Amino acid sequence: MSTHTTAEHTTAEHEHGENCGHEAVQHDDHVDYLHDGHRHALHGDHYDEH
């Protein structure tokens, strides 16, 4: 069974993107963002920890 861990913030609280101030890292077919020592990946209305 697969589980995933969500980040402490949602897209309503902070939206990662081109000018969000966090480093973007290409990861397979999506982009992760480095945030406080974690890699966040968009998943619906929240971010997953990678």
N, C-alpha and C. Protein backbone atom coordinates (compact mmCIF):
# COMPACT_ATOMS: atom_id res chain seq x y z
N MET A 1 0.84 -1.17 0.00
CA MET A 1 0.00 0.00 0.00
C MET A 1 0.90 1.24 0.00
N SER A 2 0.56 2.23 -0.79
CA SER A 2 1.33 3.46 -0.91
C SER A 2 0.70 4.57 -0.08
N THR A 3 1.54 5.30 0.64
CA THR A 3 1.06 6.46 1.39
C THR A 3 1.89 7.66 0.99
N HIS A 4 1.38 8.83 1.26
CA HIS A 4 2.17 10.03 1.01
C HIS A 4 2.00 11.00 2.16
N THR A 5 3.03 11.80 2.35
CA THR A 5 3.03 12.77 3.42
C THR A 5 2.77 14.14 2.82
N THR A 6 1.85 14.88 3.41
CA THR A 6 1.54 16.20 2.89
C THR A 6 2.39 17.25 3.60
N ALA A 7 2.63 18.35 2.91
CA ALA A 7 3.37 19.47 3.46
C ALA A 7 2.51 20.19 4.48
N GLU A 8 3.14 21.04 5.28
CA GLU A 8 2.42 21.74 6.33
C GLU A 8 1.56 22.88 5.81
N HIS A 9 1.67 23.22 4.53
CA HIS A 9 0.84 24.30 4.00
C HIS A 9 0.10 23.84 2.74
N THR A 10 -0.97 24.53 2.43
CA THR A 10 -1.77 24.22 1.25
C THR A 10 -1.52 25.27 0.19
N THR A 11 -2.13 25.08 -0.98
CA THR A 11 -1.99 26.07 -2.06
C THR A 11 -2.65 27.39 -1.68
N ALA A 12 -3.61 27.37 -0.77
CA ALA A 12 -4.25 28.62 -0.33
C ALA A 12 -3.31 29.45 0.52
N GLU A 13 -2.40 28.80 1.23
CA GLU A 13 -1.46 29.50 2.10
C GLU A 13 -0.22 29.99 1.36
N HIS A 14 0.24 29.22 0.40
CA HIS A 14 1.42 29.57 -0.39
C HIS A 14 1.35 28.81 -1.70
N GLU A 15 1.53 29.51 -2.79
CA GLU A 15 1.50 28.85 -4.10
C GLU A 15 2.90 28.87 -4.70
N HIS A 16 3.50 27.68 -4.81
CA HIS A 16 4.80 27.57 -5.46
C HIS A 16 4.64 27.85 -6.94
N GLY A 17 5.63 28.50 -7.51
CA GLY A 17 5.61 28.82 -8.93
C GLY A 17 6.87 29.56 -9.34
N GLU A 18 6.86 30.06 -10.55
CA GLU A 18 8.03 30.68 -11.15
C GLU A 18 8.68 31.76 -10.29
N ASN A 19 7.89 32.58 -9.60
CA ASN A 19 8.43 33.68 -8.81
C ASN A 19 8.11 33.58 -7.32
N CYS A 20 8.02 32.36 -6.81
CA CYS A 20 7.63 32.20 -5.40
C CYS A 20 8.80 32.33 -4.43
N GLY A 21 10.02 32.33 -4.95
CA GLY A 21 11.19 32.47 -4.09
C GLY A 21 11.82 31.16 -3.67
N HIS A 22 11.26 30.04 -4.11
CA HIS A 22 11.82 28.73 -3.80
C HIS A 22 12.43 28.12 -5.05
N GLU A 23 13.52 27.38 -4.87
CA GLU A 23 14.21 26.76 -6.01
C GLU A 23 13.36 25.64 -6.61
N ALA A 24 13.20 25.67 -7.94
CA ALA A 24 12.44 24.64 -8.65
C ALA A 24 13.39 23.53 -9.08
N VAL A 25 12.95 22.27 -8.94
CA VAL A 25 13.74 21.10 -9.32
C VAL A 25 12.86 20.18 -10.15
N GLN A 26 13.27 19.91 -11.39
CA GLN A 26 12.51 18.98 -12.24
C GLN A 26 12.57 17.58 -11.63
N HIS A 27 11.42 16.92 -11.50
CA HIS A 27 11.34 15.59 -10.91
C HIS A 27 10.38 14.76 -11.75
N ASP A 28 10.94 13.88 -12.59
CA ASP A 28 10.15 13.08 -13.52
C ASP A 28 9.25 13.98 -14.37
N ASP A 29 7.92 13.86 -14.23
CA ASP A 29 6.99 14.62 -15.08
C ASP A 29 6.43 15.87 -14.40
N HIS A 30 7.04 16.29 -13.29
CA HIS A 30 6.56 17.48 -12.58
C HIS A 30 7.73 18.23 -11.97
N VAL A 31 7.45 19.35 -11.35
CA VAL A 31 8.47 20.17 -10.70
C VAL A 31 8.24 20.17 -9.20
N ASP A 32 9.31 19.91 -8.44
CA ASP A 32 9.29 20.04 -6.99
C ASP A 32 9.87 21.40 -6.64
N TYR A 33 9.54 21.89 -5.46
CA TYR A 33 10.09 23.15 -4.98
C TYR A 33 10.76 22.91 -3.63
N LEU A 34 11.99 23.39 -3.50
CA LEU A 34 12.73 23.25 -2.25
C LEU A 34 12.20 24.29 -1.27
N HIS A 35 11.72 23.82 -0.13
CA HIS A 35 11.07 24.68 0.86
C HIS A 35 11.46 24.22 2.26
N ASP A 36 12.24 25.02 2.96
CA ASP A 36 12.65 24.71 4.34
C ASP A 36 13.26 23.31 4.46
N GLY A 37 14.12 22.95 3.50
CA GLY A 37 14.80 21.66 3.56
C GLY A 37 13.98 20.49 3.06
N HIS A 38 12.81 20.75 2.48
CA HIS A 38 11.93 19.70 1.97
C HIS A 38 11.66 19.96 0.49
N ARG A 39 11.31 18.91 -0.24
CA ARG A 39 10.86 19.06 -1.62
C ARG A 39 9.36 18.91 -1.65
N HIS A 40 8.68 19.94 -2.15
CA HIS A 40 7.22 19.93 -2.24
C HIS A 40 6.79 19.72 -3.67
N ALA A 41 5.77 18.90 -3.86
CA ALA A 41 5.19 18.64 -5.17
C ALA A 41 3.69 18.87 -5.10
N LEU A 42 3.15 19.62 -6.06
CA LEU A 42 1.73 19.91 -6.09
C LEU A 42 0.92 18.63 -6.24
N HIS A 43 -0.15 18.52 -5.43
CA HIS A 43 -1.05 17.37 -5.46
C HIS A 43 -2.44 17.87 -5.11
N GLY A 44 -3.21 18.26 -6.13
CA GLY A 44 -4.55 18.79 -5.88
C GLY A 44 -4.47 20.15 -5.22
N ASP A 45 -5.06 20.27 -4.01
CA ASP A 45 -5.08 21.56 -3.31
C ASP A 45 -4.01 21.66 -2.22
N HIS A 46 -3.04 20.73 -2.25
CA HIS A 46 -1.97 20.74 -1.25
C HIS A 46 -0.67 20.28 -1.89
N TYR A 47 0.39 20.27 -1.11
CA TYR A 47 1.69 19.81 -1.58
C TYR A 47 2.07 18.54 -0.84
N ASP A 48 2.68 17.60 -1.57
CA ASP A 48 3.23 16.40 -0.96
C ASP A 48 4.69 16.64 -0.65
N GLU A 49 5.17 16.01 0.42
CA GLU A 49 6.59 15.99 0.75
C GLU A 49 7.23 14.89 -0.09
N HIS A 50 8.34 15.22 -0.72
CA HIS A 50 9.09 14.19 -1.47
C HIS A 50 10.42 13.98 -0.82
